[in-house]
Amino acid sequence: MSLWIGQMEPFAGSISRFFLSPGQEIALPVSCQIFAGGRTIENGHQDDFLVEVWTDLNDHGESFSPIPMTFLRQSDLYYEYEASLLLKTTGAFRFTVRFSPDRGKSWIYQNDFYQGEKPCIDAFLVASAEWIQSASLYAVSPEAFPTLEELDNGLAYISSLGTDIVYLPAGDPESLGPSLDALIKRAHALGLKVVLDFVVSRFQSAKGNFGYYNDAEDWIEMGSFDQAFWDKMAAVVPDWMDRHGIDGICCQFAQLAPARFWQKAINAIKRVKPDALVIGNFPGGDGRMLLRAFDAVKGDLWHSLQGFPSGRDIKYFFLGRDSQYPKRSGFLQFVESPDTTIRSVVRWGSPQTAFLRFAIAATTPGLPLIQNGQEISDAIQLPLGESCTVEWSRFVGESKILHLYAKLMHVRRELPTLCRGRTFFLNMEPEQDSIFAFLRYDSEGAVLVAINLDAYKEQKASFRLPIWELKMDSAHSFVMTDLWNEGEPGLYSGQHLSAGLPVTLPPNGLVIATLTPKAASISAGKSAADV
């Protein structure tokens, strides 16, 4: 009888992502169905089968082990098996299901590309530290803080913005000496983490003979095949963490190294520091491959928001991205690129307009990044290839826009749902194309975010909310509290959830409001003004 595995849940055809708090363990029920290719399965044949999950779960050394699956039920077409796994640590792990129709004499793997000669890995699980879901970064350039001592003096300012991580585009910590160690210690005392760049795609002669290279357009990437080289490179960052105390890395041009290398390297990092943050940068590459291992990948809101000027366009950008990536994928979100000299205030014309684009990055799923000087609307624009300095003398003059950035980051920090909740993008009327609105929600509640991208016209919107997603009903009232505009809480009828929740947005206006159910019901159709 020729059998094949039809599906493996919850990993079938996807990358599964989980977030672990210190000491937390997560139970993972796994099931699979073994089909008979249209033939009738006779009772009792399941005794001949051995079905196993083949995985390196919780093993940072990438040693695969079989976990037996138990028979659950059968139908005329398939047998169903299940197993219970226990996720105990962070890392990048792999899974497949294999079965033997002859009590272990031969094995067939799910999607058996190798015809039973070796496992074919079909599913990936990435487990990250819980704190990463709500993390935010402040990117520092040498032009803004020419020395580590000057940056040390600026750490309190960076912390006051409400960001969690100082991102240094520095290379080898060994070249920075004791000053880096002192800076990391000071950052940790302020509650900040430190992330450095890690580049594996560029090398140079240690002897300094930079001019003596063969004239060739391309070379075979021998590093892609040399396992000893993989082991050497994978040991670099754990050594940095052990001796210097860095909290994570951003891997530049990560798509130029094999995905299997990154799984090996990241597991080596998580073995030493389970709560480390590892970001993959993939300009021109496929981020889905990197998400098999990385906690987050660099998104591209910088270019995407330029090409999608209306609220409807922005909504479809996010819907399109979400359809291509696994659920709960982590994106590093920035609207001012550290790789260009064009500042966001120049790109979008005014400090307020640039801030609203950053508000999109900070409230949609991902890790927002502020490029130094962005928060004071620094507008210096130099020719490509020249350094871009920050005019800190503008600090006093732009204190109002600075307050907006700091306020937004602190509001985000105070609302876990805004960082970790699911997202539901709201539909708008055709004449309200300048509005971008969505919900973030979880078991703790919901947050409404609405942005008016029109700099000249007030918009009066009526948001129809998905009561089936919010687990709320029209028979009960709810309270809406606009935390951004610091308005008084409003009590609304449950019918406003489906009939329409009225919100007025001034030009370039922003609303960040919590929605909290109330146990006491009120008369249908009454709004806050009627209660």
Protein backbone atom coordinates (compact mmCIF):
# COMPACT_ATOMS: atom_id res chain seq x y z
CA MET A 1 0.00 0.00 0.00
CA SER A 2 1.40 3.39 -0.98
CA LEU A 3 0.80 6.00 1.73
CA TRP A 4 1.63 9.68 1.97
CA ILE A 5 1.36 12.38 4.61
CA GLY A 6 -1.25 14.94 3.75
CA GLN A 7 -0.61 17.57 6.41
CA MET A 8 1.15 18.31 9.65
CA GLU A 9 -0.48 20.76 12.04
CA PRO A 10 0.24 23.40 13.22
CA PHE A 11 3.35 23.57 11.04
CA ALA A 12 2.05 22.64 7.59
CA GLY A 13 3.47 24.88 4.90
CA SER A 14 4.47 27.68 7.26
CA ILE A 15 6.97 29.08 9.69
CA SER A 16 5.58 29.10 13.21
CA ARG A 17 6.63 31.85 15.62
CA PHE A 18 6.41 31.90 19.40
CA PHE A 19 7.54 34.27 22.13
CA LEU A 20 8.83 33.03 25.48
CA SER A 21 9.11 34.81 28.80
CA PRO A 22 11.97 33.74 31.11
CA GLY A 23 11.19 30.30 32.53
CA GLN A 24 8.09 29.86 30.37
CA GLU A 25 7.33 26.63 28.51
CA ILE A 26 4.76 26.26 25.73
CA ALA A 27 2.97 23.01 24.88
CA LEU A 28 2.76 22.33 21.15
CA PRO A 29 0.17 19.76 20.10
CA VAL A 30 1.13 18.31 16.71
CA SER A 31 -1.08 16.16 14.49
CA CYS A 32 -0.72 14.64 11.04
CA GLN A 33 -2.90 12.69 8.64
CA ILE A 34 -1.61 9.74 6.61
CA PHE A 35 -3.62 9.15 3.46
CA ALA A 36 -4.00 5.95 1.48
CA GLY A 37 -4.10 7.52 -1.96
CA GLY A 38 -7.78 6.72 -2.47
CA ARG A 39 -7.59 3.15 -1.18
CA THR A 40 -9.70 1.92 1.72
CA ILE A 41 -7.73 1.43 4.92
CA GLU A 42 -8.63 -1.76 6.71
CA ASN A 43 -9.01 -1.80 10.47
CA GLY A 44 -5.94 -2.85 12.35
CA HIS A 45 -3.33 -1.75 9.82
CA GLN A 46 -2.33 1.16 12.02
CA ASP A 47 -0.49 -1.35 14.23
CA ASP A 48 2.05 -1.78 11.43
CA PHE A 49 2.81 1.94 11.32
CA LEU A 50 5.39 3.88 13.24
CA VAL A 51 4.85 7.65 13.03
CA GLU A 52 7.31 10.17 14.49
CA VAL A 53 8.02 13.88 14.62
CA TRP A 54 11.66 14.35 13.61
CA THR A 55 12.95 17.58 15.19
CA ASP A 56 15.81 19.46 16.83
CA LEU A 57 13.40 21.31 19.17
CA ASN A 58 15.17 22.79 22.23
CA ASP A 59 18.53 21.47 20.97
CA HIS A 60 20.85 24.33 20.03
CA GLY A 61 23.39 21.75 18.90
CA GLU A 62 21.03 20.87 16.02
CA SER A 63 20.83 17.20 16.93
CA PHE A 64 17.63 15.67 15.59
CA SER A 65 15.58 13.27 17.70
CA PRO A 66 12.45 11.24 16.94
CA ILE A 67 9.34 11.86 19.04
CA PRO A 68 6.74 9.06 18.70
CA MET A 69 3.22 10.02 17.64
CA THR A 70 0.21 8.12 18.94
CA PHE A 71 -2.77 6.93 16.92
CA LEU A 72 -5.79 9.21 17.36
CA ARG A 73 -8.50 8.18 14.90
CA GLN A 74 -9.13 6.88 11.41
CA SER A 75 -11.57 7.37 8.56
CA ASP A 76 -12.06 5.58 5.26
CA LEU A 77 -9.17 7.54 3.77
CA TYR A 78 -6.61 8.37 6.45
CA TYR A 79 -5.14 7.70 9.85
CA GLU A 80 -4.61 10.66 12.19
CA TYR A 81 -1.75 10.75 14.69
CA GLU A 82 -0.81 13.23 17.39
CA ALA A 83 2.05 14.14 19.68
CA SER A 84 2.62 16.78 22.33
CA LEU A 85 5.87 18.73 22.21
CA LEU A 86 7.19 21.16 24.80
CA LEU A 87 8.98 24.34 23.71
CA LYS A 88 11.44 25.24 26.47
CA THR A 89 13.86 27.76 24.99
CA THR A 90 14.37 30.31 22.25
CA GLY A 91 16.05 29.39 18.98
CA ALA A 92 15.51 28.38 15.36
CA PHE A 93 14.22 24.82 15.09
CA ARG A 94 13.08 22.46 12.33
CA PHE A 95 10.44 19.73 12.04
CA THR A 96 9.24 17.01 9.78
CA VAL A 97 7.05 13.93 10.14
CA ARG A 98 8.19 10.50 9.05
CA PHE A 99 6.35 7.20 9.04
CA SER A 100 7.21 3.57 8.52
CA PRO A 101 4.59 1.20 7.06
CA ASP A 102 6.66 -1.84 8.09
CA ARG A 103 7.54 -1.31 11.76
CA GLY A 104 10.73 0.67 11.11
CA LYS A 105 12.32 -1.29 8.26
CA SER A 106 11.93 1.69 5.94
CA TRP A 107 10.93 5.32 6.47
CA ILE A 108 9.08 7.88 4.36
CA TYR A 109 9.36 11.56 5.16
CA GLN A 110 6.77 14.24 4.57
CA ASN A 111 7.37 15.72 1.06
CA ASP A 112 9.99 13.03 0.55
CA PHE A 113 12.38 14.72 -1.87
CA TYR A 114 15.22 12.39 -0.88
CA GLN A 115 13.20 9.16 -1.27
CA GLY A 116 13.78 8.07 2.31
CA GLU A 117 17.57 8.46 2.26
CA LYS A 118 17.53 11.42 4.65
CA PRO A 119 14.97 13.72 6.29
CA CYS A 120 13.36 16.49 4.30
CA ILE A 121 12.62 19.35 6.68
CA ASP A 122 9.17 20.76 6.04
CA ALA A 123 8.45 23.13 8.91
CA PHE A 124 10.31 25.76 10.91
CA LEU A 125 9.74 27.18 14.35
CA VAL A 126 11.35 30.38 15.59
CA ALA A 127 11.09 31.10 19.31
CA SER A 128 12.04 34.62 20.43
CA ALA A 129 12.21 36.38 23.78
CA GLU A 130 8.91 37.95 24.83
CA TRP A 131 10.37 41.44 25.28
CA ILE A 132 11.18 41.66 21.55
CA GLN A 133 7.49 42.10 20.65
CA SER A 134 7.43 45.54 22.28
CA ALA A 135 11.00 46.61 21.54
CA SER A 136 11.98 49.85 19.78
CA LEU A 137 15.36 51.07 18.54
CA TYR A 138 17.32 54.28 18.28
CA ALA A 139 19.95 54.11 15.51
CA VAL A 140 23.15 56.03 16.17
CA SER A 141 25.53 57.23 13.45
CA PRO A 142 29.14 58.27 14.06
CA GLU A 143 28.33 61.72 12.63
CA ALA A 144 25.81 62.36 15.42
CA PHE A 145 28.01 61.02 18.22
CA PRO A 146 31.63 61.03 16.93
CA THR A 147 33.02 59.21 19.99
CA LEU A 148 31.69 56.58 22.37
CA GLU A 149 32.23 59.04 25.21
CA GLU A 150 29.85 61.52 23.58
CA LEU A 151 27.34 58.75 23.00
CA ASP A 152 27.69 57.76 26.66
CA ASN A 153 26.60 61.28 27.60
CA GLY A 154 23.62 60.96 25.26
CA LEU A 155 22.27 57.66 26.63
CA ALA A 156 19.96 59.39 29.13
CA TYR A 157 18.46 61.40 26.27
CA ILE A 158 17.92 58.24 24.20
CA SER A 159 16.26 56.56 27.18
CA SER A 160 13.98 59.57 27.72
CA LEU A 161 12.55 59.08 24.22
CA GLY A 162 10.99 55.79 25.34
CA THR A 163 13.18 53.59 23.13
CA ASP A 164 14.62 50.33 24.44
CA ILE A 165 17.66 49.65 22.27
CA VAL A 166 20.71 51.61 21.13
CA TYR A 167 21.64 50.37 17.67
CA LEU A 168 25.30 51.00 16.81
CA PRO A 169 26.46 50.42 13.23
CA ALA A 170 29.82 49.42 14.67
CA GLY A 171 31.70 46.35 13.59
CA ASP A 172 34.19 44.45 15.71
CA PRO A 173 33.89 45.31 19.42
CA GLU A 174 37.58 44.48 19.80
CA SER A 175 38.48 47.59 17.82
CA LEU A 176 36.46 49.83 20.14
CA GLY A 177 38.28 48.89 23.32
CA PRO A 178 37.20 49.50 26.93
CA SER A 179 35.06 52.49 25.92
CA LEU A 180 32.47 50.14 24.44
CA ASP A 181 32.35 48.04 27.60
CA ALA A 182 31.79 51.16 29.69
CA LEU A 183 29.05 52.36 27.34
CA ILE A 184 27.25 49.00 27.46
CA LYS A 185 27.41 48.96 31.25
CA ARG A 186 26.00 52.50 31.40
CA ALA A 187 23.24 51.62 28.91
CA HIS A 188 22.21 48.59 30.94
CA ALA A 189 22.02 50.74 34.07
CA LEU A 190 19.52 52.97 32.24
CA GLY A 191 17.44 49.99 31.11
CA LEU A 192 18.73 50.14 27.52
CA LYS A 193 20.03 47.26 25.43
CA VAL A 194 22.84 47.53 22.87
CA VAL A 195 22.76 46.00 19.38
CA LEU A 196 25.73 46.00 16.98
CA ASP A 197 26.12 45.25 13.27
CA PHE A 198 27.48 41.85 12.26
CA VAL A 199 28.69 41.48 8.67
CA VAL A 200 29.58 38.07 7.23
CA SER A 201 29.39 38.92 3.53
CA ARG A 202 32.46 41.17 3.29
CA PHE A 203 36.04 40.32 4.11
CA GLN A 204 39.45 41.83 3.57
CA SER A 205 43.06 40.83 3.97
CA ALA A 206 44.31 41.03 7.54
CA LYS A 207 47.69 42.12 6.11
CA GLY A 208 46.22 45.23 4.56
CA ASN A 209 47.10 44.39 0.96
CA PHE A 210 43.83 45.75 -0.30
CA GLY A 211 44.99 46.50 -3.83
CA TYR A 212 46.02 42.99 -4.78
CA TYR A 213 42.89 41.25 -5.96
CA ASN A 214 42.39 39.16 -9.07
CA ASP A 215 40.38 40.86 -11.77
CA ALA A 216 37.21 38.73 -11.81
CA GLU A 217 33.55 39.54 -11.84
CA ASP A 218 32.53 36.84 -9.38
CA TRP A 219 33.86 34.02 -7.27
CA ILE A 220 32.37 30.78 -5.99
CA GLU A 221 31.20 31.34 -2.42
CA MET A 222 33.36 28.67 -0.82
CA GLY A 223 32.17 29.77 2.62
CA SER A 224 28.77 28.35 1.71
CA PHE A 225 30.25 24.83 1.71
CA ASP A 226 32.93 24.96 4.42
CA GLN A 227 31.42 23.68 7.68
CA ALA A 228 34.58 24.50 9.65
CA PHE A 229 34.24 28.09 8.48
CA TRP A 230 30.58 28.05 9.57
CA ASP A 231 31.59 26.90 13.04
CA LYS A 232 34.22 29.65 13.28
CA MET A 233 31.81 32.40 12.23
CA ALA A 234 28.98 31.09 14.40
CA ALA A 235 31.23 31.39 17.46
CA VAL A 236 32.01 35.10 16.95
CA VAL A 237 28.86 36.72 18.35
CA PRO A 238 28.53 34.41 21.40
CA ASP A 239 32.09 35.44 22.23
CA TRP A 240 31.13 39.13 21.92
CA MET A 241 28.18 38.59 24.23
CA ASP A 242 30.22 36.70 26.77
CA ARG A 243 33.06 39.23 26.95
CA HIS A 244 31.32 42.54 26.21
CA GLY A 245 27.68 42.04 27.18
CA ILE A 246 26.04 43.12 23.91
CA ASP A 247 22.35 42.24 23.66
CA GLY A 248 21.95 41.50 19.97
CA ILE A 249 23.13 41.97 16.42
CA CYS A 250 21.85 43.21 13.07
CA CYS A 251 23.20 41.00 10.29
CA GLN A 252 23.85 43.09 7.20
CA PHE A 253 23.17 41.57 3.75
CA ALA A 254 22.03 38.40 5.47
CA GLN A 255 20.60 36.96 2.26
CA LEU A 256 24.15 36.48 0.97
CA ALA A 257 24.78 33.71 3.52
CA PRO A 258 22.91 30.38 3.47
CA ALA A 259 19.79 30.15 5.60
CA ARG A 260 21.18 26.99 7.22
CA PHE A 261 24.22 28.97 8.37
CA TRP A 262 21.99 31.50 10.08
CA GLN A 263 20.06 28.78 11.87
CA LYS A 264 23.35 27.42 13.17
CA ALA A 265 24.71 30.85 14.14
CA ILE A 266 21.51 32.03 15.82
CA ASN A 267 21.19 28.84 17.84
CA ALA A 268 24.78 29.36 19.01
CA ILE A 269 23.77 32.87 20.13
CA LYS A 270 20.60 31.72 21.90
CA ARG A 271 22.54 28.99 23.71
CA VAL A 272 24.62 31.73 25.39
CA LYS A 273 21.92 34.42 25.62
CA PRO A 274 18.33 33.17 25.18
CA ASP A 275 16.89 36.70 25.24
CA ALA A 276 19.19 38.05 22.50
CA LEU A 277 17.73 40.00 19.57
CA VAL A 278 18.96 38.94 16.10
CA ILE A 279 17.85 41.05 13.12
CA GLY A 280 18.40 40.16 9.47
CA ASN A 281 18.89 42.83 6.83
CA PHE A 282 18.02 41.64 3.32
CA PRO A 283 18.13 44.44 0.71
CA GLY A 284 16.96 42.84 -2.47
CA GLY A 285 16.54 39.42 -0.83
CA ASP A 286 13.67 37.22 0.30
CA GLY A 287 12.82 37.95 3.93
CA ARG A 288 10.74 34.79 4.19
CA MET A 289 13.90 32.69 4.06
CA LEU A 290 15.46 34.75 6.84
CA LEU A 291 12.40 34.39 9.04
CA ARG A 292 13.26 30.71 9.38
CA ALA A 293 15.87 31.83 11.90
CA PHE A 294 15.82 35.57 12.72
CA ASP A 295 13.79 37.29 15.41
CA ALA A 296 13.08 40.13 12.99
CA VAL A 297 13.98 41.29 9.50
CA LYS A 298 14.35 44.80 8.20
CA GLY A 299 11.12 45.97 6.65
CA ASP A 300 10.99 48.59 3.93
CA LEU A 301 8.42 51.16 5.00
CA TRP A 302 10.88 53.87 3.91
CA HIS A 303 10.27 53.12 0.26
CA SER A 304 6.81 51.57 0.59
CA LEU A 305 5.15 54.60 2.18
CA GLN A 306 6.57 56.80 -0.58
CA GLY A 307 4.78 54.71 -3.18
CA PHE A 308 1.47 54.45 -1.29
CA PRO A 309 0.29 57.97 -0.49
CA SER A 310 -3.34 57.24 0.49
CA GLY A 311 -4.77 55.43 3.48
CA ARG A 312 -6.30 52.76 1.24
CA ASP A 313 -2.96 52.15 -0.50
CA ILE A 314 -1.18 51.80 2.83
CA LYS A 315 -3.81 49.32 4.04
CA TYR A 316 -3.33 47.14 0.97
CA PHE A 317 0.44 47.32 1.37
CA PHE A 318 0.18 45.80 4.84
CA LEU A 319 -2.43 43.25 3.76
CA GLY A 320 -0.17 42.21 0.90
CA ARG A 321 2.86 41.90 3.15
CA ASP A 322 0.93 39.92 5.74
CA SER A 323 -0.26 37.47 3.09
CA GLN A 324 3.33 36.65 2.11
CA TYR A 325 4.85 36.22 5.56
CA PRO A 326 4.10 33.95 8.52
CA LYS A 327 1.84 35.21 11.29
CA ARG A 328 3.58 37.24 14.00
CA SER A 329 6.56 37.90 11.72
CA GLY A 330 8.91 40.51 13.12
CA PHE A 331 9.78 43.54 10.98
CA LEU A 332 12.22 46.33 11.80
CA GLN A 333 10.15 49.35 10.76
CA PHE A 334 11.69 52.68 9.84
CA VAL A 335 10.62 55.60 7.68
CA GLU A 336 14.03 57.27 7.65
CA SER A 337 16.67 55.01 6.22
CA PRO A 338 20.17 54.94 7.69
CA ASP A 339 21.38 54.04 4.18
CA THR A 340 20.33 57.31 2.53
CA THR A 341 20.99 60.99 3.13
CA ILE A 342 17.39 62.00 2.41
CA ARG A 343 15.75 62.83 5.73
CA SER A 344 12.10 62.00 6.32
CA VAL A 345 11.09 65.62 6.83
CA VAL A 346 12.49 66.39 3.36
CA ARG A 347 10.80 63.37 1.82
CA TRP A 348 7.32 64.19 3.18
CA GLY A 349 7.50 67.95 3.24
CA SER A 350 6.86 68.87 6.87
CA PRO A 351 7.75 67.66 10.39
CA GLN A 352 4.12 66.73 11.17
CA THR A 353 3.67 64.75 7.95
CA ALA A 354 6.94 62.89 8.54
CA PHE A 355 5.89 62.16 12.12
CA LEU A 356 2.61 60.60 10.98
CA ARG A 357 4.53 58.19 8.75
CA PHE A 358 6.58 57.20 11.75
CA ALA A 359 3.36 56.78 13.75
CA ILE A 360 2.35 54.15 11.19
CA ALA A 361 5.65 52.34 11.76
CA ALA A 362 5.31 52.54 15.54
CA THR A 363 1.73 51.25 15.81
CA THR A 364 1.58 48.52 13.14
CA PRO A 365 3.24 45.15 13.93
CA GLY A 366 7.00 45.39 14.16
CA LEU A 367 9.93 47.05 15.90
CA PRO A 368 10.03 50.80 15.19
CA LEU A 369 13.38 52.47 14.64
CA ILE A 370 14.23 56.16 15.06
CA GLN A 371 17.25 57.37 13.10
CA ASN A 372 19.20 59.91 15.13
CA GLY A 373 18.05 63.44 14.31
CA GLN A 374 14.72 62.25 12.93
CA GLU A 375 13.00 63.17 16.18
CA ILE A 376 14.02 66.83 15.84
CA SER A 377 13.10 66.94 12.12
CA ASP A 378 16.69 67.39 11.08
CA ALA A 379 16.49 68.33 7.39
CA ILE A 380 20.10 68.35 6.17
CA GLN A 381 20.25 66.78 2.71
CA LEU A 382 23.65 66.02 1.21
CA PRO A 383 24.73 64.39 -2.05
CA LEU A 384 24.67 60.60 -1.96
CA GLY A 385 27.85 59.16 -0.47
CA GLU A 386 28.57 62.06 1.88
CA SER A 387 28.09 61.90 5.62
CA CYS A 388 24.95 63.30 7.12
CA THR A 389 25.42 65.15 10.39
CA VAL A 390 22.75 66.12 12.89
CA GLU A 391 22.05 69.78 13.64
CA TRP A 392 21.55 69.42 17.39
CA SER A 393 21.25 73.22 17.56
CA ARG A 394 17.70 72.67 16.23
CA PHE A 395 16.87 70.80 19.44
CA VAL A 396 15.26 73.82 21.11
CA GLY A 397 13.46 75.04 18.02
CA GLU A 398 11.93 71.63 17.28
CA SER A 399 11.06 70.69 20.87
CA LYS A 400 7.38 70.37 19.91
CA ILE A 401 7.97 67.65 17.31
CA LEU A 402 10.48 65.99 19.66
CA HIS A 403 7.71 65.82 22.25
CA LEU A 404 5.47 64.01 19.74
CA TYR A 405 8.07 61.30 19.09
CA ALA A 406 8.72 60.78 22.81
CA LYS A 407 5.01 60.78 23.63
CA LEU A 408 4.26 58.20 20.94
CA MET A 409 6.99 55.85 22.15
CA HIS A 410 5.80 56.13 25.76
CA VAL A 411 2.17 55.51 24.78
CA ARG A 412 3.32 52.46 22.84
CA ARG A 413 5.23 51.20 25.88
CA GLU A 414 2.18 51.61 28.11
CA LEU A 415 -0.11 49.62 25.77
CA PRO A 416 1.07 46.01 25.38
CA THR A 417 -1.88 45.37 23.05
CA LEU A 418 -0.48 47.98 20.66
CA CYS A 419 2.74 45.96 20.43
CA ARG A 420 1.55 42.36 20.63
CA GLY A 421 -2.09 42.31 19.58
CA ARG A 422 -3.51 41.03 16.32
CA THR A 423 -4.27 43.59 13.59
CA PHE A 424 -7.54 44.30 11.78
CA PHE A 425 -7.44 46.99 9.07
CA LEU A 426 -10.65 49.01 8.79
CA ASN A 427 -12.45 49.84 5.57
CA MET A 428 -13.15 53.48 4.80
CA GLU A 429 -15.61 55.23 2.50
CA PRO A 430 -14.20 56.31 -0.90
CA GLU A 431 -14.30 59.98 0.08
CA GLN A 432 -12.19 59.21 3.18
CA ASP A 433 -9.19 57.92 1.29
CA SER A 434 -6.84 60.01 3.43
CA ILE A 435 -7.66 57.98 6.56
CA PHE A 436 -5.59 54.97 7.58
CA ALA A 437 -7.21 53.11 10.48
CA PHE A 438 -6.88 49.74 12.17
CA LEU A 439 -7.39 47.84 15.42
CA ARG A 440 -4.82 46.05 17.55
CA TYR A 441 -6.53 43.59 19.89
CA ASP A 442 -5.94 40.63 22.18
CA SER A 443 -7.56 39.02 25.23
CA GLU A 444 -6.79 42.12 27.30
CA GLY A 445 -8.67 44.58 25.10
CA ALA A 446 -8.44 46.59 21.89
CA VAL A 447 -6.72 49.74 20.65
CA LEU A 448 -8.06 51.86 17.78
CA VAL A 449 -5.48 53.76 15.71
CA ALA A 450 -6.69 56.29 13.14
CA ILE A 451 -4.53 58.70 11.13
CA ASN A 452 -5.65 61.53 8.84
CA LEU A 453 -2.97 61.92 6.16
CA ASP A 454 -4.65 65.07 4.77
CA ALA A 455 -2.71 68.11 5.97
CA TYR A 456 -5.57 70.55 5.19
CA LYS A 457 -8.95 68.88 5.67
CA GLU A 458 -10.74 67.61 8.76
CA GLN A 459 -12.27 64.14 8.43
CA LYS A 460 -15.34 62.81 10.24
CA ALA A 461 -15.22 59.03 10.18
CA SER A 462 -17.54 56.26 11.32
CA PHE A 463 -15.63 53.08 12.06
CA ARG A 464 -17.47 49.78 11.85
CA LEU A 465 -15.64 47.45 14.20
CA PRO A 466 -15.46 43.64 13.90
CA ILE A 467 -17.41 42.45 16.94
CA TRP A 468 -16.67 38.83 15.99
CA GLU A 469 -12.96 39.51 16.36
CA LEU A 470 -13.24 41.59 19.53
CA LYS A 471 -15.54 39.08 21.25
CA MET A 472 -17.86 41.96 22.12
CA ASP A 473 -21.56 42.25 21.38
CA SER A 474 -24.14 44.96 20.76
CA ALA A 475 -25.93 44.25 24.03
CA HIS A 476 -23.15 45.72 26.16
CA SER A 477 -21.61 49.15 26.31
CA PHE A 478 -17.94 49.97 26.05
CA VAL A 479 -15.63 52.82 26.97
CA MET A 480 -13.36 54.53 24.44
CA THR A 481 -10.43 56.50 25.88
CA ASP A 482 -8.29 58.55 23.49
CA LEU A 483 -4.85 58.35 25.10
CA TRP A 484 -3.12 60.36 22.40
CA ASN A 485 -5.34 63.43 22.61
CA GLU A 486 -5.93 62.92 26.34
CA GLY A 487 -9.68 63.18 25.97
CA GLU A 488 -12.25 62.18 28.55
CA PRO A 489 -13.41 58.55 28.34
CA GLY A 490 -16.61 58.15 26.31
CA LEU A 491 -19.29 55.54 26.99
CA TYR A 492 -20.85 54.08 23.85
CA SER A 493 -23.64 51.69 23.03
CA GLY A 494 -22.58 48.28 21.82
CA GLN A 495 -24.46 49.00 18.59
CA HIS A 496 -21.73 51.46 17.64
CA LEU A 497 -19.43 48.48 17.12
CA SER A 498 -21.25 47.43 13.96
CA ALA A 499 -23.27 50.56 13.09
CA GLY A 500 -20.26 52.87 13.26
CA LEU A 501 -18.10 54.52 15.93
CA PRO A 502 -17.92 58.29 15.30
CA VAL A 503 -14.42 59.82 15.33
CA THR A 504 -13.33 63.30 14.21
CA LEU A 505 -9.79 63.66 12.88
CA PRO A 506 -8.28 67.13 12.41
CA PRO A 507 -5.82 67.74 9.55
CA ASN A 508 -2.78 65.53 10.10
CA GLY A 509 -4.64 64.17 13.11
CA LEU A 510 -3.92 61.02 15.11
CA VAL A 511 -6.12 58.99 17.46
CA ILE A 512 -4.86 56.17 19.69
CA ALA A 513 -7.79 55.02 21.78
CA THR A 514 -8.43 52.02 24.01
CA LEU A 515 -11.78 50.18 23.79
CA THR A 516 -12.84 48.54 27.03
CA PRO A 517 -16.08 46.52 27.45
CA LYS A 518 -18.45 47.48 30.24
CA ALA A 519 -20.55 44.83 31.96
CA ALA A 520 -23.55 47.11 32.36
CA SER A 521 -25.69 47.41 29.23
CA ILE A 522 -27.20 50.68 28.05
CA SER A 523 -30.00 51.56 25.71
CA ALA A 524 -29.30 50.75 22.08
CA GLY A 525 -28.30 53.67 19.92
CA LYS A 526 -27.03 55.98 22.68
CA SER A 527 -23.64 57.57 22.27
CA ALA A 528 -21.32 59.11 24.83
CA ALA A 529 -23.22 62.38 24.57
CA ASP A 530 -26.48 60.63 25.44
CA VAL A 531 -25.23 58.88 28.58
